[in-house]
Protein backbone atom coordinates (compact mmCIF):
# COMPACT_ATOMS: atom_id res chain seq x y z
CA MET A 1 -51.30 160.34 64.32
CA SER A 2 -49.86 157.24 66.04
CA ASP A 3 -51.90 154.95 68.24
CA PRO A 4 -50.93 155.58 71.96
CA SER A 5 -51.37 151.93 72.83
CA MET A 6 -48.83 150.96 70.21
CA THR A 7 -46.38 153.43 71.71
CA ASP A 8 -46.71 151.70 75.05
CA ILE A 9 -46.09 148.32 73.47
CA TYR A 10 -42.94 149.61 71.73
CA ALA A 11 -41.69 151.03 75.03
CA LEU A 12 -42.11 147.64 76.71
CA MET A 13 -40.32 145.85 73.91
CA ARG A 14 -37.37 148.21 73.86
CA PRO A 15 -34.92 147.67 76.73
CA ARG A 16 -34.22 150.70 78.93
CA LYS A 17 -30.78 152.13 78.21
CA VAL A 18 -29.07 153.19 81.39
CA CYS A 19 -25.89 154.29 79.59
CA VAL A 20 -26.78 155.98 76.34
CA CYS A 21 -23.16 156.66 75.32
CA ARG A 22 -22.31 152.93 75.31
CA SER A 23 -25.85 151.57 74.67
CA VAL A 24 -25.80 149.59 77.96
CA THR A 25 -29.22 148.41 79.14
CA GLU A 26 -30.33 147.60 82.68
CA ASN A 27 -30.52 143.94 81.64
CA MET A 28 -26.87 144.03 80.54
CA ILE A 29 -25.92 145.37 83.98
CA LEU A 30 -27.96 142.71 85.72
CA ASP A 31 -26.51 140.01 83.48
CA SER A 32 -23.00 141.14 84.41
CA LEU A 33 -23.91 140.81 88.08
CA GLU A 34 -25.35 137.34 87.45
CA ARG A 35 -22.03 136.35 85.86
CA GLY A 36 -20.11 137.39 88.97
CA ALA A 37 -19.43 141.13 88.85
CA ARG A 38 -19.45 142.43 92.39
CA SER A 39 -18.64 146.13 92.06
CA PHE A 40 -19.26 149.17 89.92
CA GLU A 41 -15.78 148.73 88.45
CA ASP A 42 -16.47 145.08 87.56
CA VAL A 43 -19.69 146.04 85.76
CA GLN A 44 -17.97 148.98 84.07
CA ASN A 45 -15.13 146.82 82.80
CA GLU A 46 -17.51 144.16 81.46
CA THR A 47 -20.18 146.41 79.89
CA GLY A 48 -18.32 149.69 79.21
CA CYS A 49 -21.05 151.62 81.04
CA SER A 50 -20.14 155.04 82.43
CA THR A 51 -16.98 155.27 80.33
CA GLY A 52 -18.39 158.00 78.10
CA CYS A 53 -19.82 161.12 79.67
CA GLY A 54 -20.29 159.52 83.12
CA THR A 55 -23.80 160.89 83.64
CA CYS A 56 -25.20 157.37 84.26
CA GLU A 57 -22.82 156.44 87.07
CA SER A 58 -25.35 157.06 89.85
CA ALA A 59 -28.04 155.06 88.05
CA VAL A 60 -25.63 152.19 87.41
CA ARG A 61 -24.49 152.24 91.08
CA ALA A 62 -28.14 152.19 92.20
CA ILE A 63 -28.92 149.14 90.07
CA ILE A 64 -25.89 147.31 91.45
CA GLU A 65 -26.68 148.29 95.05
CA LYS A 66 -30.28 147.15 94.71
CA LYS A 67 -29.30 143.79 93.16
CA LEU A 68 -26.48 143.02 95.56
CA SER A 69 -28.06 144.27 98.80
CA PRO A 70 -29.42 141.57 101.05
CA THR A 71 -33.20 141.46 101.24
């Protein structure tokens, strides 16, 4: 049986994939925004996210909105 604390450590080390089809992580989306992407389409063109099944589109849009919205 595996040690639950080790499972938690592995989860922290592994970046969260937002787009499983194209293996795009949240950090990749944020990096795209840092490099100047200003829309869903910009991020999509740079990372390839949401060009497979499209299920992740709402999650990608939420990350973009949260990052670009004024605080």
